[in-house]
Protein backbone atom coordinates (compact mmCIF):
# COMPACT_ATOMS: atom_id res chain seq x y z
CA UNK A 1 7.94 70.62 63.20
CA UNK A 2 10.81 71.37 60.80
CA UNK A 3 11.53 74.82 59.36
CA UNK A 4 14.04 75.97 56.76
CA UNK A 5 15.31 79.56 57.11
CA UNK A 6 17.45 81.50 54.63
CA UNK A 7 19.27 84.68 55.69
CA UNK A 8 21.81 85.98 53.21
CA UNK A 9 23.68 88.74 55.05
CA UNK A 10 24.67 90.06 58.47
CA UNK A 11 21.41 91.90 59.21
CA UNK A 12 19.45 88.82 58.16
CA UNK A 13 21.52 86.69 60.51
CA UNK A 14 20.71 89.10 63.35
CA UNK A 15 16.98 89.11 62.62
CA UNK A 16 17.05 85.38 61.96
CA UNK A 17 18.64 84.68 65.33
CA UNK A 18 15.87 86.58 67.11
CA UNK A 19 13.26 84.67 65.11
CA UNK A 20 14.93 81.33 65.90
CA UNK A 21 14.83 82.21 69.61
CA UNK A 22 11.18 83.15 69.29
CA UNK A 23 10.30 79.95 67.45
CA UNK A 24 12.03 77.83 70.09
CA UNK A 25 10.30 79.75 72.88
CA UNK A 26 6.94 79.03 71.30
CA UNK A 27 7.75 75.40 70.39
CA UNK A 28 10.92 74.00 72.04
CA UNK A 29 10.73 70.89 69.83
CA UNK A 30 10.96 72.80 66.54
CA UNK A 31 13.91 71.87 64.29
CA UNK A 32 15.48 74.65 62.22
CA UNK A 33 17.94 74.33 59.36
CA UNK A 34 19.12 76.64 56.63
CA UNK A 35 21.50 79.40 55.57
CA UNK A 36 22.63 81.90 58.18
CA UNK A 37 25.53 82.92 60.36
CA UNK A 38 27.00 82.62 63.82
CA UNK A 39 24.12 84.40 65.53
CA UNK A 40 21.54 82.00 64.11
CA UNK A 41 23.76 79.08 65.02
CA UNK A 42 24.08 80.28 68.61
CA UNK A 43 20.29 80.68 68.75
CA UNK A 44 19.88 76.99 67.93
CA UNK A 45 19.64 76.69 64.14
CA UNK A 46 21.49 74.00 62.20
CA UNK A 47 23.43 76.11 59.70
CA UNK A 48 23.76 74.11 56.48
CA UNK A 49 25.80 76.86 54.85
CA UNK A 50 27.17 80.12 56.19
CA UNK A 51 25.70 83.18 54.50
CA UNK A 52 29.23 84.50 53.86
CA UNK A 53 29.67 81.65 51.37
CA UNK A 54 26.56 82.65 49.43
CA UNK A 55 26.39 86.44 49.66
CA UNK A 56 27.26 88.42 46.53
CA UNK A 57 26.50 92.17 46.63
CA UNK A 58 26.72 94.84 43.96
CA UNK A 59 26.02 94.78 40.24
CA UNK A 60 29.57 94.12 39.11
CA UNK A 61 30.10 91.45 41.78
CA UNK A 62 26.96 89.60 40.71
CA UNK A 63 28.06 89.54 37.08
CA UNK A 64 31.46 88.11 37.99
CA UNK A 65 30.03 85.43 40.30
CA UNK A 66 27.18 84.04 38.21
CA UNK A 67 28.60 80.53 38.40
CA UNK A 68 28.84 80.64 42.19
CA UNK A 69 25.30 81.99 42.49
CA UNK A 70 23.89 79.24 40.24
CA UNK A 71 25.71 76.54 42.22
CA UNK A 72 24.47 77.88 45.56
CA UNK A 73 20.93 78.05 44.22
CA UNK A 74 21.04 74.49 42.92
CA UNK A 75 22.51 73.05 46.11
CA UNK A 76 20.08 75.00 48.32
CA UNK A 77 17.13 73.61 46.37
CA UNK A 78 18.48 70.10 46.82
CA UNK A 79 18.95 70.61 50.55
CA UNK A 80 15.37 71.87 50.95
CA UNK A 81 14.04 68.79 49.17
CA UNK A 82 16.11 66.46 51.35
CA UNK A 83 15.09 68.24 54.55
CA UNK A 84 11.41 68.46 53.55
CA UNK A 85 10.42 71.26 55.97
CA UNK A 86 6.93 72.20 57.13
CA UNK A 87 7.63 75.72 55.84
CA UNK A 88 10.39 77.75 54.20
CA UNK A 89 11.09 81.11 55.87
CA UNK A 90 12.90 83.73 53.79
CA UNK A 91 14.62 86.74 55.34
CA UNK A 92 15.15 89.71 52.97
CA UNK A 93 17.96 88.90 50.43
CA UNK A 94 15.49 89.06 47.51
CA UNK A 95 17.80 88.29 44.59
CA UNK A 96 18.32 84.79 45.95
CA UNK A 97 15.24 84.28 48.11
CA UNK A 98 12.58 85.13 45.54
CA UNK A 99 13.94 82.39 43.30
CA UNK A 100 13.81 79.98 46.22
CA UNK A 101 10.24 81.16 46.90
CA UNK A 102 9.21 80.14 43.39
CA UNK A 103 10.87 76.74 43.77
CA UNK A 104 9.44 76.05 47.24
CA UNK A 105 5.95 77.12 46.14
CA UNK A 106 6.11 74.79 43.13
CA UNK A 107 7.16 71.91 45.36
CA UNK A 108 4.26 72.52 47.75
CA UNK A 109 6.13 73.95 50.73
CA UNK A 110 4.43 76.86 52.55
CA UNK A 111 6.52 80.00 52.03
CA UNK A 112 6.77 82.76 54.65
CA UNK A 113 8.64 85.98 53.89
CA UNK A 114 9.99 87.60 57.04
CA UNK A 115 11.38 91.10 56.49
CA UNK A 116 10.01 91.49 53.00
CA UNK A 117 12.14 92.97 50.20
CA UNK A 118 12.13 96.77 50.16
CA UNK A 119 10.02 96.88 47.01
CA UNK A 120 8.64 100.23 48.16
CA UNK A 121 12.13 101.63 47.55
CA UNK A 122 13.13 99.93 44.30
CA UNK A 123 12.42 96.99 41.98
CA UNK A 124 8.69 97.19 42.62
CA UNK A 125 8.12 94.52 39.98
CA UNK A 126 9.15 91.99 42.63
CA UNK A 127 5.71 92.47 44.20
CA UNK A 128 4.30 90.16 41.55
CA UNK A 129 6.55 87.31 42.65
CA UNK A 130 5.72 87.89 46.29
CA UNK A 131 1.99 87.81 45.52
CA UNK A 132 2.39 84.64 43.43
CA UNK A 133 4.81 82.55 45.48
CA UNK A 134 4.58 83.68 49.13
CA UNK A 135 1.85 82.41 51.46
CA UNK A 136 2.36 84.94 54.26
CA UNK A 137 4.32 88.17 54.48
CA UNK A 138 5.64 89.47 57.80
CA UNK A 139 6.93 93.06 57.77
CA UNK A 140 8.95 95.07 60.30
CA UNK A 141 7.88 98.62 59.43
CA UNK A 142 4.30 99.82 60.04
CA UNK A 143 3.96 101.67 56.72
CA UNK A 144 4.59 98.42 54.82
CA UNK A 145 1.15 97.05 55.77
CA UNK A 146 -0.65 99.71 53.73
CA UNK A 147 1.90 99.49 50.92
CA UNK A 148 1.43 95.75 50.39
CA UNK A 149 -2.35 96.05 50.81
CA UNK A 150 -2.41 98.33 47.75
CA UNK A 151 -0.86 95.43 45.81
CA UNK A 152 -3.35 92.85 47.03
CA UNK A 153 -1.02 91.34 49.64
CA UNK A 154 -1.96 90.99 53.30
CA UNK A 155 1.10 91.81 55.38
CA UNK A 156 1.37 91.34 59.14
CA UNK A 157 3.25 93.79 61.37
CA UNK A 158 4.11 92.46 64.84
CA UNK A 159 6.71 95.09 65.71
CA UNK A 160 10.35 95.54 64.80
CA UNK A 161 12.84 92.82 65.91
CA UNK A 162 15.58 95.37 66.49
CA UNK A 163 13.62 96.42 69.56
CA UNK A 164 14.34 92.91 70.88
CA UNK A 165 18.03 93.10 69.94
CA UNK A 166 18.55 96.43 71.68
CA UNK A 167 16.51 95.47 74.74
CA UNK A 168 18.29 92.14 75.27
CA UNK A 169 21.88 93.09 74.46
CA UNK A 170 24.33 92.59 77.31
CA UNK A 171 25.77 96.10 76.89
CA UNK A 172 22.67 97.67 78.44
CA UNK A 173 23.63 96.12 81.78
CA UNK A 174 27.22 97.36 81.72
CA UNK A 175 28.26 100.77 83.00
CA UNK A 176 30.47 103.13 81.03
CA UNK A 177 33.41 102.74 83.42
CA UNK A 178 33.37 98.97 83.04
CA UNK A 179 33.08 99.21 79.24
CA UNK A 180 36.03 101.59 78.98
CA UNK A 181 38.22 99.55 81.31
CA UNK A 182 37.42 96.24 79.62
CA UNK A 183 38.36 97.64 76.22
CA UNK A 184 41.33 99.74 77.42
CA UNK A 185 39.71 103.00 76.28
CA UNK A 186 40.31 106.48 77.67
CA UNK A 187 37.61 108.30 79.60
CA UNK A 188 37.05 110.91 76.89
CA UNK A 189 34.11 111.30 74.48
CA UNK A 190 33.80 108.51 71.91
CA UNK A 191 32.86 109.01 68.28
CA UNK A 192 31.61 105.66 66.98
CA UNK A 193 32.55 104.59 63.45
CA UNK A 194 30.40 101.92 61.80
CA UNK A 195 31.59 101.22 58.24
CA UNK A 196 29.13 98.42 57.51
CA UNK A 197 29.57 94.71 56.87
CA UNK A 198 30.38 94.62 53.14
CA UNK A 199 33.92 95.05 51.87
CA UNK A 200 32.82 97.42 49.10
CA UNK A 201 31.31 99.86 51.61
CA UNK A 202 34.17 99.41 54.08
CA UNK A 203 36.71 100.12 51.33
CA UNK A 204 34.87 103.33 50.50
CA UNK A 205 34.47 104.57 54.06
CA UNK A 206 37.75 103.61 55.74
CA UNK A 207 39.92 106.18 53.88
CA UNK A 208 37.40 108.85 54.87
CA UNK A 209 37.47 107.70 58.50
CA UNK A 210 41.27 107.82 58.45
CA UNK A 211 41.16 111.36 57.06
CA UNK A 212 38.53 112.33 59.65
CA UNK A 213 40.91 111.24 62.41
CA UNK A 214 43.77 113.20 60.82
CA UNK A 215 41.68 116.37 60.58
CA UNK A 216 40.53 115.96 64.17
CA UNK A 217 44.13 115.96 65.32
CA UNK A 218 44.82 119.32 63.66
CA UNK A 219 45.20 122.20 66.08
CA UNK A 220 41.96 123.98 66.83
CA UNK A 221 39.66 121.13 65.82
CA UNK A 222 36.64 120.78 68.10
CA UNK A 223 36.96 116.99 67.74
CA UNK A 224 40.51 116.91 69.11
CA UNK A 225 39.29 115.87 72.57
CA UNK A 226 37.44 112.82 71.22
CA UNK A 227 38.57 109.28 70.52
CA UNK A 228 37.44 107.23 67.52
CA UNK A 229 36.25 103.67 68.10
CA UNK A 230 35.32 101.49 65.14
CA UNK A 231 32.82 98.65 65.35
CA UNK A 232 34.10 95.83 63.16
CA UNK A 233 31.72 93.46 61.43
CA UNK A 234 31.94 89.90 62.78
CA UNK A 235 32.77 88.36 59.41
CA UNK A 236 35.53 90.82 58.42
CA UNK A 237 39.12 90.20 59.49
CA UNK A 238 40.61 93.04 61.54
CA UNK A 239 43.61 93.25 59.21
CA UNK A 240 41.27 94.36 56.43
CA UNK A 241 40.39 97.50 58.41
CA UNK A 242 43.96 98.09 59.53
CA UNK A 243 45.12 98.06 55.92
CA UNK A 244 43.48 101.46 55.44
CA UNK A 245 45.14 103.05 58.49
CA UNK A 246 48.62 104.44 58.99
CA UNK A 247 50.88 103.15 61.73
CA UNK A 248 50.22 106.40 63.63
CA UNK A 249 46.44 105.98 63.60
CA UNK A 250 44.78 105.86 67.01
CA UNK A 251 41.44 104.57 65.77
CA UNK A 252 40.53 101.65 68.01
CA UNK A 253 38.91 98.67 66.27
CA UNK A 254 36.67 96.42 68.36
CA UNK A 255 34.78 93.32 67.27
CA UNK A 256 31.59 92.11 68.92
CA UNK A 257 31.03 95.42 70.73
CA UNK A 258 28.75 97.35 68.37
CA UNK A 259 25.96 98.08 70.82
CA UNK A 260 28.40 98.84 73.63
CA UNK A 261 30.26 101.30 71.43
CA UNK A 262 27.04 103.03 70.38
CA UNK A 263 25.70 103.15 73.92
CA UNK A 264 28.86 104.85 75.19
CA UNK A 265 29.41 107.27 72.29
CA UNK A 266 28.64 110.95 72.11
CA UNK A 267 27.80 110.58 68.40
CA UNK A 268 28.13 108.01 65.62
CA UNK A 269 29.09 107.88 61.95
CA UNK A 270 27.08 105.00 60.54
CA UNK A 271 27.00 103.20 57.21
CA UNK A 272 23.54 103.57 55.67
CA UNK A 273 21.86 100.29 56.56
CA UNK A 274 20.29 98.48 59.49
CA UNK A 275 22.83 100.04 61.85
CA UNK A 276 21.32 103.51 61.37
CA UNK A 277 18.11 102.25 62.96
CA UNK A 278 20.02 100.44 65.72
CA UNK A 279 21.85 103.66 66.59
CA UNK A 280 18.56 105.56 66.69
CA UNK A 281 16.93 102.99 68.97
CA UNK A 282 19.93 103.08 71.31
CA UNK A 283 19.67 106.88 71.26
CA UNK A 284 23.04 108.05 69.97
CA UNK A 285 22.99 111.11 67.67
CA UNK A 286 24.27 110.01 64.27
CA UNK A 287 25.13 110.91 60.71
CA UNK A 288 24.57 108.36 57.95
CA UNK A 289 27.29 107.77 55.35
CA UNK A 290 27.45 105.62 52.26
CA UNK A 291 29.35 105.13 49.04
CA UNK A 292 30.92 102.59 46.75
CA UNK A 293 31.88 101.96 43.18
CA UNK A 294 30.71 104.75 40.89
CA UNK A 295 28.87 102.37 38.53
CA UNK A 296 27.10 100.42 41.28
CA UNK A 297 26.10 103.60 43.09
CA UNK A 298 24.81 105.26 39.91
CA UNK A 299 22.76 102.18 39.00
CA UNK A 300 21.31 101.85 42.50
CA UNK A 301 20.33 105.49 42.91
CA UNK A 302 18.75 105.59 39.45
CA UNK A 303 16.37 102.83 40.56
CA UNK A 304 15.55 104.00 44.09
CA UNK A 305 12.16 105.72 44.34
CA UNK A 306 12.68 107.44 47.70
CA UNK A 307 13.85 110.89 48.74
CA UNK A 308 15.55 109.48 51.85
CA UNK A 309 17.88 106.49 52.00
CA UNK A 310 18.20 105.65 55.69
CA UNK A 311 15.69 103.75 57.79
CA UNK A 312 15.05 106.39 60.50
CA UNK A 313 14.23 108.95 57.80
CA UNK A 314 12.11 106.52 55.76
CA UNK A 315 10.07 105.35 58.76
CA UNK A 316 9.49 108.89 60.02
CA UNK A 317 8.73 110.22 56.56
CA UNK A 318 11.05 113.18 57.01
CA UNK A 319 14.76 113.90 57.55
CA UNK A 320 15.77 112.93 61.08
CA UNK A 321 19.46 112.30 60.47
CA UNK A 322 21.77 113.80 57.84
CA UNK A 323 22.67 111.53 54.93
CA UNK A 324 26.10 112.01 53.33
CA UNK A 325 26.16 109.86 50.20
CA UNK A 326 28.94 109.19 47.65
CA UNK A 327 30.45 112.55 46.60
CA UNK A 328 28.94 114.29 49.64
CA UNK A 329 30.61 111.76 51.91
CA UNK A 330 33.86 113.53 52.71
CA UNK A 331 35.94 113.63 55.86
CA UNK A 332 35.31 117.36 56.24
CA UNK A 333 31.58 116.93 55.79
CA UNK A 334 31.48 114.11 58.33
CA UNK A 335 33.55 116.14 60.78
CA UNK A 336 31.31 119.19 60.47
CA UNK A 337 28.21 117.11 61.18
CA UNK A 338 29.90 115.41 64.16
CA UNK A 339 30.70 118.85 65.61
CA UNK A 340 27.07 119.85 65.22
CA UNK A 341 25.86 116.62 66.85
CA UNK A 342 28.20 117.14 69.80
CA UNK A 343 28.03 120.87 70.43
CA UNK A 344 24.61 122.04 69.19
CA UNK A 345 22.39 121.15 72.16
CA UNK A 346 19.15 122.18 70.44
CA UNK A 347 20.04 120.01 67.45
CA UNK A 348 20.79 117.00 69.68
CA UNK A 349 17.57 117.47 71.64
CA UNK A 350 15.47 117.63 68.47
CA UNK A 351 17.03 114.40 67.23
CA UNK A 352 16.35 112.70 70.56
CA UNK A 353 12.68 113.74 70.36
CA UNK A 354 12.50 112.24 66.89
CA UNK A 355 14.07 109.05 68.23
CA UNK A 356 11.38 108.85 70.92
CA UNK A 357 8.67 109.14 68.27
CA UNK A 358 10.44 106.53 66.14
CA UNK A 359 10.48 104.01 68.99
CA UNK A 360 6.77 104.54 69.49
CA UNK A 361 6.08 103.66 65.86
CA UNK A 362 8.03 100.41 66.03
CA UNK A 363 6.14 98.85 68.94
CA UNK A 364 7.23 97.11 72.12
CA UNK A 365 9.92 94.42 72.42
CA UNK A 366 8.71 90.88 71.77
CA UNK A 367 8.18 91.27 68.02
CA UNK A 368 10.19 88.17 67.16
CA UNK A 369 8.18 85.97 69.50
CA UNK A 370 4.88 87.39 68.24
CA UNK A 371 5.89 86.66 64.65
CA UNK A 372 7.10 83.18 65.63
CA UNK A 373 3.76 82.44 67.30
CA UNK A 374 1.89 83.55 64.19
CA UNK A 375 4.06 81.37 61.94
CA UNK A 376 3.67 78.25 64.06
CA UNK A 377 -0.07 78.77 64.47
CA UNK A 378 -0.37 79.09 60.69
CA UNK A 379 1.51 75.83 60.10
CA UNK A 380 -0.44 73.96 62.77
CA UNK A 381 -3.72 75.26 61.35
CA UNK A 382 -2.81 74.10 57.85
CA UNK A 383 -1.70 70.68 59.12
CA UNK A 384 -5.00 70.29 61.01
CA UNK A 385 -6.97 71.01 57.84
CA UNK A 386 -5.23 68.25 55.90
């Protein structure tokens, strides 16, 4: 059996790697090729092109890279035809993947969408393309089943793959003392900084993180006894982060240690994305932050149909973590929320209770393997009927 998987960004590479592992557990002989990153490669996929070479985010960036996008689309279509897979599996990344879905459907390849586009948040018109071009939809949030059903689409929920990522990560087996020693960190409370994986978001947040550190060092600050540890994205060079910091900055930047940092932190400041859910599942009290170019942010927020922007709040249907977006995302605002997360015990306890409820909604670990089994059974069933 041959499968073609397309993941267009860091979170897709993470989810794709768990799916690849699940597929190979179910059928060790399966061959997997496509677009992804290092995690998918390590899981056993043949990466035809790294997602970093195809990803273009933001309205203005898309406009300025139309030629690159068209070339990637054309070459991806050609590679699918040459590979001739038993199914094409698409992971989020709707701007690119929905066009591939239309192409693959036309060419007669079964199309599975794993981690469907967030059409319940914005660009609901994409539902029509999903209904027309996608054979099976696999979702990772329980509320999505009812949402897609209202649009005549049967969606399958097998649990959330982040439960697998958190449960299997090596950091859960390492004690705090070992983590601190291995990374040359002091034995004082850690405030985790997660600025995301896209340069636009990082460029927005890093000056605010630098100012947060400066304010924490001021006499009388309740954050003065803490250290700041930043989780760098795997695809971003460390010098890019350092370019926003002064030579006196004591913010530690670590790569490949995201879960370890979160596990050993007293609170976290997290870019509004997949990482907010990861922090919640690990159990660290957090504040969500986000911002970018004024035009891109204004366009995005004008289209979003939700009151909440972060995954923990969306899944729970109510505010669980504070969201500091664009103009509200200031160093002083972040610092004030960190103080509350650290020193207000009732506030921390309430958030932990919400986290417990959140985990219950997302199901047990093993979601990736359950989805993999369903995909392979579907392909085998269709091949038998031929």
